[in-house]
């Protein structure tokens, strides 16, 4: 069974906050359409940046996990390198 939108947003608090900001704009008493548009566009840009950041972090983690699984414990980074320089 797939997760509800509430469950999914709970896993992404930054996105949840931006969605709430968009809802605040939609429910606001702003009088000018231009002001609503400007605020909405800015909020959507923030959402886009957050989505890209979270996606990139997930991809990096997946690749790191896959490399560790494939190459074993030698990729776990235990301690300092002993460099002669």
PDB file of N, CA and C in Angstrom:
ATOM      1  N   UNK A   1       0.839  -1.180   0.000  1.00  0.00           N
ATOM      2  CA  UNK A   1       0.000   0.000   0.000  1.00  0.00           C
ATOM      3  C   UNK A   1       0.886   1.247   0.000  1.00  0.00           C
ATOM      4  N   UNK A   2       0.564   2.208  -0.811  1.00  0.00           N
ATOM      5  CA  UNK A   2       1.380   3.416  -0.894  1.00  0.00           C
ATOM      6  C   UNK A   2       1.060   4.354   0.264  1.00  0.00           C
ATOM      7  N   UNK A   3       2.015   5.224   0.545  1.00  0.00           N
ATOM      8  CA  UNK A   3       1.865   6.170   1.650  1.00  0.00           C
ATOM      9  C   UNK A   3       0.911   7.285   1.261  1.00  0.00           C
ATOM     10  N   UNK A   4       0.285   7.856   2.273  1.00  0.00           N
ATOM     11  CA  UNK A   4      -0.570   9.017   2.030  1.00  0.00           C
ATOM     12  C   UNK A   4       0.311  10.241   1.822  1.00  0.00           C
ATOM     13  N   UNK A   5      -0.274  11.289   1.300  1.00  0.00           N
ATOM     14  CA  UNK A   5       0.498  12.515   1.097  1.00  0.00           C
ATOM     15  C   UNK A   5       0.966  13.077   2.440  1.00  0.00           C
ATOM     16  N   UNK A   6       0.159  12.910   3.486  1.00  0.00           N
ATOM     17  CA  UNK A   6       0.561  13.371   4.814  1.00  0.00           C
ATOM     18  C   UNK A   6       1.798  12.633   5.304  1.00  0.00           C
ATOM     19  N   UNK A   7       1.831  11.320   5.098  1.00  0.00           N
ATOM     20  CA  UNK A   7       2.986  10.519   5.501  1.00  0.00           C
ATOM     21  C   UNK A   7       4.228  10.914   4.711  1.00  0.00           C
ATOM     22  N   UNK A   8       4.033  11.139   3.434  1.00  0.00           N
ATOM     23  CA  UNK A   8       5.169  11.516   2.591  1.00  0.00           C
ATOM     24  C   UNK A   8       5.699  12.894   2.959  1.00  0.00           C
ATOM     25  N   UNK A   9       4.810  13.846   3.204  1.00  0.00           N
ATOM     26  CA  UNK A   9       5.248  15.184   3.588  1.00  0.00           C
ATOM     27  C   UNK A   9       5.920  15.177   4.959  1.00  0.00           C
ATOM     28  N   UNK A  10       5.500  14.287   5.843  1.00  0.00           N
ATOM     29  CA  UNK A  10       6.127  14.181   7.158  1.00  0.00           C
ATOM     30  C   UNK A  10       7.601  13.782   7.033  1.00  0.00           C
ATOM     31  N   UNK A  11       7.933  13.078   5.975  1.00  0.00           N
ATOM     32  CA  UNK A  11       9.318  12.671   5.722  1.00  0.00           C
ATOM     33  C   UNK A  11      10.137  13.788   5.085  1.00  0.00           C
ATOM     34  N   UNK A  12       9.480  14.850   4.659  1.00  0.00           N
ATOM     35  CA  UNK A  12      10.146  15.982   3.999  1.00  0.00           C
ATOM     36  C   UNK A  12       9.637  17.296   4.601  1.00  0.00           C
ATOM     37  N   UNK A  13      10.072  17.628   5.810  1.00  0.00           N
ATOM     38  CA  UNK A  13       9.522  18.804   6.489  1.00  0.00           C
ATOM     39  C   UNK A  13       9.749  20.120   5.747  1.00  0.00           C
ATOM     40  N   UNK A  14      10.850  20.226   5.004  1.00  0.00           N
ATOM     41  CA  UNK A  14      11.103  21.464   4.256  1.00  0.00           C
ATOM     42  C   UNK A  14      10.065  21.650   3.152  1.00  0.00           C
ATOM     43  N   UNK A  15       9.756  20.564   2.462  1.00  0.00           N
ATOM     44  CA  UNK A  15       8.736  20.631   1.416  1.00  0.00           C
ATOM     45  C   UNK A  15       7.365  20.898   2.011  1.00  0.00           C
ATOM     46  N   UNK A  16       7.088  20.271   3.146  1.00  0.00           N
ATOM     47  CA  UNK A  16       5.807  20.487   3.809  1.00  0.00           C
ATOM     48  C   UNK A  16       5.634  21.966   4.151  1.00  0.00           C
ATOM     49  N   UNK A  17       6.681  22.589   4.644  1.00  0.00           N
ATOM     50  CA  UNK A  17       6.611  24.012   4.995  1.00  0.00           C
ATOM     51  C   UNK A  17       6.318  24.866   3.766  1.00  0.00           C
ATOM     52  N   UNK A  18       6.921  24.531   2.634  1.00  0.00           N
ATOM     53  CA  UNK A  18       6.680  25.306   1.419  1.00  0.00           C
ATOM     54  C   UNK A  18       5.274  25.082   0.879  1.00  0.00           C
ATOM     55  N   UNK A  19       4.770  23.874   0.996  1.00  0.00           N
ATOM     56  CA  UNK A  19       3.391  23.603   0.575  1.00  0.00           C
ATOM     57  C   UNK A  19       2.430  24.406   1.442  1.00  0.00           C
ATOM     58  N   UNK A  20       2.730  24.473   2.733  1.00  0.00           N
ATOM     59  CA  UNK A  20       1.901  25.282   3.629  1.00  0.00           C
ATOM     60  C   UNK A  20       1.977  26.762   3.254  1.00  0.00           C
ATOM     61  N   UNK A  21       3.141  27.224   2.825  1.00  0.00           N
ATOM     62  CA  UNK A  21       3.285  28.608   2.368  1.00  0.00           C
ATOM     63  C   UNK A  21       2.407  28.861   1.144  1.00  0.00           C
ATOM     64  N   UNK A  22       2.402  27.924   0.222  1.00  0.00           N
ATOM     65  CA  UNK A  22       1.551  28.063  -0.964  1.00  0.00           C
ATOM     66  C   UNK A  22       0.071  28.103  -0.575  1.00  0.00           C
ATOM     67  N   UNK A  23      -0.304  27.264   0.373  1.00  0.00           N
ATOM     68  CA  UNK A  23      -1.694  27.282   0.834  1.00  0.00           C
ATOM     69  C   UNK A  23      -2.026  28.612   1.520  1.00  0.00           C
ATOM     70  N   UNK A  24      -1.074  29.134   2.277  1.00  0.00           N
ATOM     71  CA  UNK A  24      -1.277  30.441   2.909  1.00  0.00           C
ATOM     72  C   UNK A  24      -1.515  31.523   1.860  1.00  0.00           C
ATOM     73  N   UNK A  25      -0.760  31.453   0.774  1.00  0.00           N
ATOM     74  CA  UNK A  25      -0.936  32.424  -0.310  1.00  0.00           C
ATOM     75  C   UNK A  25      -2.325  32.270  -0.919  1.00  0.00           C
ATOM     76  N   UNK A  26      -2.721  31.025  -1.178  1.00  0.00           N
ATOM     77  CA  UNK A  26      -4.030  30.770  -1.794  1.00  0.00           C
ATOM     78  C   UNK A  26      -5.181  31.247  -0.912  1.00  0.00           C
ATOM     79  N   UNK A  27      -4.986  31.177   0.394  1.00  0.00           N
ATOM     80  CA  UNK A  27      -6.046  31.543   1.330  1.00  0.00           C
ATOM     81  C   UNK A  27      -5.903  32.976   1.867  1.00  0.00           C
ATOM     82  N   UNK A  28      -4.968  33.723   1.313  1.00  0.00           N
ATOM     83  CA  UNK A  28      -4.672  35.053   1.848  1.00  0.00           C
ATOM     84  C   UNK A  28      -5.681  36.107   1.393  1.00  0.00           C
ATOM     85  N   UNK A  29      -5.532  37.271   1.995  1.00  0.00           N
ATOM     86  CA  UNK A  29      -6.370  38.425   1.642  1.00  0.00           C
ATOM     87  C   UNK A  29      -5.615  39.387   0.727  1.00  0.00           C
ATOM     88  N   UNK A  30      -4.602  38.887   0.035  1.00  0.00           N
ATOM     89  CA  UNK A  30      -3.837  39.737  -0.880  1.00  0.00           C
ATOM     90  C   UNK A  30      -4.795  40.244  -1.956  1.00  0.00           C
ATOM     91  N   UNK A  31      -4.720  41.524  -2.216  1.00  0.00           N
ATOM     92  CA  UNK A  31      -5.698  42.131  -3.126  1.00  0.00           C
ATOM     93  C   UNK A  31      -5.276  42.131  -4.592  1.00  0.00           C
ATOM     94  N   UNK A  32      -3.972  42.161  -4.848  1.00  0.00           N
ATOM     95  CA  UNK A  32      -3.519  42.265  -6.236  1.00  0.00           C
ATOM     96  C   UNK A  32      -3.028  40.923  -6.762  1.00  0.00           C
ATOM     97  N   UNK A  33      -3.503  40.581  -7.937  1.00  0.00           N
ATOM     98  CA  UNK A  33      -3.101  39.326  -8.575  1.00  0.00           C
ATOM     99  C   UNK A  33      -1.588  39.284  -8.787  1.00  0.00           C
ATOM    100  N   UNK A  34      -1.012  40.427  -9.121  1.00  0.00           N
ATOM    101  CA  UNK A  34       0.436  40.481  -9.347  1.00  0.00           C
ATOM    102  C   UNK A  34       1.197  40.067  -8.082  1.00  0.00           C
ATOM    103  N   UNK A  35       0.754  40.538  -6.923  1.00  0.00           N
ATOM    104  CA  UNK A  35       1.418  40.194  -5.669  1.00  0.00           C
ATOM    105  C   UNK A  35       1.304  38.694  -5.368  1.00  0.00           C
ATOM    106  N   UNK A  36       0.150  38.134  -5.646  1.00  0.00           N
ATOM    107  CA  UNK A  36      -0.036  36.687  -5.468  1.00  0.00           C
ATOM    108  C   UNK A  36       0.893  35.934  -6.415  1.00  0.00           C
ATOM    109  N   UNK A  37       0.967  36.383  -7.654  1.00  0.00           N
ATOM    110  CA  UNK A  37       1.831  35.721  -8.637  1.00  0.00           C
ATOM    111  C   UNK A  37       3.291  35.751  -8.206  1.00  0.00           C
ATOM    112  N   UNK A  38       3.764  36.903  -7.772  1.00  0.00           N
ATOM    113  CA  UNK A  38       5.167  37.043  -7.365  1.00  0.00           C
ATOM    114  C   UNK A  38       5.474  36.111  -6.195  1.00  0.00           C
ATOM    115  N   UNK A  39       4.619  36.113  -5.196  1.00  0.00           N
ATOM    116  CA  UNK A  39       4.841  35.254  -4.023  1.00  0.00           C
ATOM    117  C   UNK A  39       4.782  33.779  -4.400  1.00  0.00           C
ATOM    118  N   UNK A  40       3.853  33.430  -5.275  1.00  0.00           N
ATOM    119  CA  UNK A  40       3.707  32.039  -5.699  1.00  0.00           C
ATOM    120  C   UNK A  40       4.940  31.580  -6.473  1.00  0.00           C
ATOM    121  N   UNK A  41       5.401  32.393  -7.392  1.00  0.00           N
ATOM    122  CA  UNK A  41       6.580  32.030  -8.192  1.00  0.00           C
ATOM    123  C   UNK A  41       7.799  31.842  -7.290  1.00  0.00           C
ATOM    124  N   UNK A  42       7.995  32.756  -6.345  1.00  0.00           N
ATOM    125  CA  UNK A  42       9.135  32.623  -5.425  1.00  0.00           C
ATOM    126  C   UNK A  42       9.045  31.336  -4.619  1.00  0.00           C
ATOM    127  N   UNK A  43       7.853  31.027  -4.148  1.00  0.00           N
ATOM    128  CA  UNK A  43       7.667  29.826  -3.352  1.00  0.00           C
ATOM    129  C   UNK A  43       7.898  28.567  -4.186  1.00  0.00           C
ATOM    130  N   UNK A  44       7.417  28.573  -5.399  1.00  0.00           N
ATOM    131  CA  UNK A  44       7.622  27.421  -6.289  1.00  0.00           C
ATOM    132  C   UNK A  44       9.108  27.246  -6.600  1.00  0.00           C
ATOM    133  N   UNK A  45       9.843  28.333  -6.751  1.00  0.00           N
ATOM    134  CA  UNK A  45      11.286  28.237  -6.981  1.00  0.00           C
ATOM    135  C   UNK A  45      11.983  27.578  -5.796  1.00  0.00           C
ATOM    136  N   UNK A  46      11.573  27.945  -4.599  1.00  0.00           N
ATOM    137  CA  UNK A  46      12.146  27.331  -3.399  1.00  0.00           C
ATOM    138  C   UNK A  46      11.826  25.843  -3.367  1.00  0.00           C
ATOM    139  N   UNK A  47      10.594  25.490  -3.688  1.00  0.00           N
ATOM    140  CA  UNK A  47      10.205  24.078  -3.736  1.00  0.00           C
ATOM    141  C   UNK A  47      11.085  23.338  -4.738  1.00  0.00           C
ATOM    142  N   UNK A  48      11.280  23.902  -5.890  1.00  0.00           N
ATOM    143  CA  UNK A  48      12.117  23.268  -6.912  1.00  0.00           C
ATOM    144  C   UNK A  48      13.542  23.046  -6.431  1.00  0.00           C
ATOM    145  N   UNK A  49      14.104  24.041  -5.766  1.00  0.00           N
ATOM    146  CA  UNK A  49      15.458  23.901  -5.231  1.00  0.00           C
ATOM    147  C   UNK A  49      15.524  22.807  -4.177  1.00  0.00           C
ATOM    148  N   UNK A  50      14.525  22.757  -3.313  1.00  0.00           N
ATOM    149  CA  UNK A  50      14.497  21.736  -2.275  1.00  0.00           C
ATOM    150  C   UNK A  50      14.344  20.340  -2.862  1.00  0.00           C
ATOM    151  N   UNK A  51      13.497  20.209  -3.854  1.00  0.00           N
ATOM    152  CA  UNK A  51      13.306  18.908  -4.502  1.00  0.00           C
ATOM    153  C   UNK A  51      14.614  18.452  -5.147  1.00  0.00           C
ATOM    154  N   UNK A  52      15.278  19.341  -5.850  1.00  0.00           N
ATOM    155  CA  UNK A  52      16.549  18.981  -6.487  1.00  0.00           C
ATOM    156  C   UNK A  52      17.596  18.581  -5.447  1.00  0.00           C
ATOM    157  N   UNK A  53      17.674  19.317  -4.354  1.00  0.00           N
ATOM    158  CA  UNK A  53      18.633  19.015  -3.294  1.00  0.00           C
ATOM    159  C   UNK A  53      18.357  17.646  -2.677  1.00  0.00           C
ATOM    160  N   UNK A  54      17.103  17.390  -2.342  1.00  0.00           N
ATOM    161  CA  UNK A  54      16.756  16.108  -1.738  1.00  0.00           C
ATOM    162  C   UNK A  54      16.980  14.956  -2.707  1.00  0.00           C
ATOM    163  N   UNK A  55      16.645  15.171  -3.958  1.00  0.00           N
ATOM    164  CA  UNK A  55      16.861  14.136  -4.972  1.00  0.00           C
ATOM    165  C   UNK A  55      18.352  13.821  -5.093  1.00  0.00           C
ATOM    166  N   UNK A  56      19.187  14.875  -5.161  1.00  0.00           N
ATOM    167  CA  UNK A  56      20.633  14.682  -5.298  1.00  0.00           C
ATOM    168  C   UNK A  56      21.203  13.932  -4.094  1.00  0.00           C
ATOM    169  N   UNK A  57      20.739  14.281  -2.907  1.00  0.00           N
ATOM    170  CA  UNK A  57      21.208  13.592  -1.708  1.00  0.00           C
ATOM    171  C   UNK A  57      20.818  12.123  -1.724  1.00  0.00           C
ATOM    172  N   UNK A  58      19.600  11.824  -2.165  1.00  0.00           N
ATOM    173  CA  UNK A  58      19.153  10.425  -2.248  1.00  0.00           C
ATOM    174  C   UNK A  58      19.980   9.651  -3.271  1.00  0.00           C
ATOM    175  N   UNK A  59      20.254  10.272  -4.410  1.00  0.00           N
ATOM    176  CA  UNK A  59      21.047   9.608  -5.443  1.00  0.00           C
ATOM    177  C   UNK A  59      22.456   9.320  -4.940  1.00  0.00           C
ATOM    178  N   UNK A  60      23.060  10.293  -4.263  1.00  0.00           N
ATOM    179  CA  UNK A  60      24.412  10.107  -3.729  1.00  0.00           C
ATOM    180  C   UNK A  60      24.428   8.985  -2.700  1.00  0.00           C
ATOM    181  N   UNK A  61      23.413   8.934  -1.854  1.00  0.00           N
ATOM    182  CA  UNK A  61      23.343   7.878  -0.839  1.00  0.00           C
ATOM    183  C   UNK A  61      23.168   6.507  -1.478  1.00  0.00           C
ATOM    184  N   UNK A  62      22.305   6.429  -2.500  1.00  0.00           N
ATOM    185  CA  UNK A  62      22.096   5.156  -3.189  1.00  0.00           C
ATOM    186  C   UNK A  62      23.398   4.664  -3.830  1.00  0.00           C
ATOM    187  N   UNK A  63      24.125   5.575  -4.470  1.00  0.00           N
ATOM    188  CA  UNK A  63      25.378   5.186  -5.129  1.00  0.00           C
ATOM    189  C   UNK A  63      26.427   4.790  -4.104  1.00  0.00           C
ATOM    190  N   UNK A  64      26.478   5.506  -2.996  1.00  0.00           N
ATOM    191  CA  UNK A  64      27.419   5.164  -1.932  1.00  0.00           C
ATOM    192  C   UNK A  64      27.106   3.789  -1.354  1.00  0.00           C
ATOM    193  N   UNK A  65      25.834   3.539  -1.088  1.00  0.00           N
ATOM    194  CA  UNK A  65      25.416   2.245  -0.552  1.00  0.00           C
ATOM    195  C   UNK A  65      25.724   1.120  -1.537  1.00  0.00           C
ATOM    196  N   UNK A  66      25.465   1.365  -2.821  1.00  0.00           N
ATOM    197  CA  UNK A  66      25.730   0.343  -3.834  1.00  0.00           C
ATOM    198  C   UNK A  66      27.225   0.052  -3.935  1.00  0.00           C
ATOM    199  N   UNK A  67      28.052   1.090  -3.858  1.00  0.00           N
ATOM    200  CA  UNK A  67      29.500   0.896  -3.930  1.00  0.00           C
ATOM    201  C   UNK A  67      30.002   0.118  -2.720  1.00  0.00           C
ATOM    202  N   UNK A  68      29.464   0.419  -1.549  1.00  0.00           N
ATOM    203  CA  UNK A  68      29.863  -0.316  -0.338  1.00  0.00           C
ATOM    204  C   UNK A  68      29.445  -1.775  -0.437  1.00  0.00           C
ATOM    205  N   UNK A  69      28.233  -2.019  -0.952  1.00  0.00           N
ATOM    206  CA  UNK A  69      27.761  -3.401  -1.107  1.00  0.00           C
ATOM    207  C   UNK A  69      28.631  -4.172  -2.095  1.00  0.00           C
ATOM    208  N   UNK A  70      29.022  -3.484  -3.161  1.00  0.00           N
ATOM    209  CA  UNK A  70      29.786  -4.141  -4.211  1.00  0.00           C
ATOM    210  C   UNK A  70      31.238  -4.366  -3.796  1.00  0.00           C
ATOM    211  N   UNK A  71      31.826  -3.411  -3.076  1.00  0.00           N
ATOM    212  CA  UNK A  71      33.252  -3.472  -2.777  1.00  0.00           C
ATOM    213  C   UNK A  71      33.573  -3.883  -1.350  1.00  0.00           C
ATOM    214  N   UNK A  72      32.577  -4.082  -0.540  1.00  0.00           N
ATOM    215  CA  UNK A  72      32.818  -4.552   0.810  1.00  0.00           C
ATOM    216  C   UNK A  72      33.328  -3.477   1.746  1.00  0.00           C
ATOM    217  N   UNK A  73      33.922  -3.899   2.850  1.00  0.00           N
ATOM    218  CA  UNK A  73      34.295  -2.973   3.917  1.00  0.00           C
ATOM    219  C   UNK A  73      35.461  -2.040   3.584  1.00  0.00           C
ATOM    220  N   UNK A  74      36.192  -2.279   2.518  1.00  0.00           N
ATOM    221  CA  UNK A  74      37.340  -1.414   2.230  1.00  0.00           C
ATOM    222  C   UNK A  74      36.936   0.013   1.856  1.00  0.00           C
ATOM    223  N   UNK A  75      35.657   0.268   1.596  1.00  0.00           N
ATOM    224  CA  UNK A  75      35.198   1.626   1.285  1.00  0.00           C
ATOM    225  C   UNK A  75      34.596   2.342   2.490  1.00  0.00           C
ATOM    226  N   UNK A  76      34.695   1.767   3.640  1.00  0.00           N
ATOM    227  CA  UNK A  76      34.029   2.371   4.788  1.00  0.00           C
ATOM    228  C   UNK A  76      34.818   3.492   5.429  1.00  0.00           C
ATOM    229  N   UNK A  77      36.060   3.733   5.023  1.00  0.00           N
ATOM    230  CA  UNK A  77      36.821   4.868   5.517  1.00  0.00           C
ATOM    231  C   UNK A  77      37.120   4.797   6.994  1.00  0.00           C
ATOM    232  N   UNK A  78      37.937   3.851   7.383  1.00  0.00           N
ATOM    233  CA  UNK A  78      38.267   3.683   8.790  1.00  0.00           C
ATOM    234  C   UNK A  78      39.608   4.350   9.085  1.00  0.00           C
ATOM    235  N   UNK A  79      39.569   5.524   9.672  1.00  0.00           N
ATOM    236  CA  UNK A  79      40.788   6.178  10.105  1.00  0.00           C
ATOM    237  C   UNK A  79      41.426   7.077   9.064  1.00  0.00           C
ATOM    238  N   UNK A  80      42.586   7.642   9.470  1.00  0.00           N
ATOM    239  CA  UNK A  80      43.330   8.562   8.602  1.00  0.00           C
ATOM    240  C   UNK A  80      44.165   7.790   7.596  1.00  0.00           C
ATOM    241  N   UNK A  81      44.434   8.459   6.488  1.00  0.00           N
ATOM    242  CA  UNK A  81      45.394   7.918   5.540  1.00  0.00           C
ATOM    243  C   UNK A  81      46.786   8.174   6.092  1.00  0.00           C
ATOM    244  N   UNK A  82      47.691   7.281   5.847  1.00  0.00           N
ATOM    245  CA  UNK A  82      49.071   7.463   6.276  1.00  0.00           C
ATOM    246  C   UNK A  82      49.876   7.948   5.084  1.00  0.00           C
ATOM    247  N   UNK A  83      49.916   9.258   4.924  1.00  0.00           N
ATOM    248  CA  UNK A  83      50.609   9.850   3.793  1.00  0.00           C
ATOM    249  C   UNK A  83      51.997  10.271   4.211  1.00  0.00           C
ATOM    250  N   UNK A  84      53.014   9.953   3.394  1.00  0.00           N
ATOM    251  CA  UNK A  84      54.387  10.325   3.754  1.00  0.00           C
ATOM    252  C   UNK A  84      54.656  11.823   3.578  1.00  0.00           C
ATOM    253  N   UNK A  85      53.718  12.558   2.996  1.00  0.00           N
ATOM    254  CA  UNK A  85      53.967  13.954   2.695  1.00  0.00           C
ATOM    255  C   UNK A  85      53.402  14.843   3.679  1.00  0.00           C
TER     256      UNK A  85
END
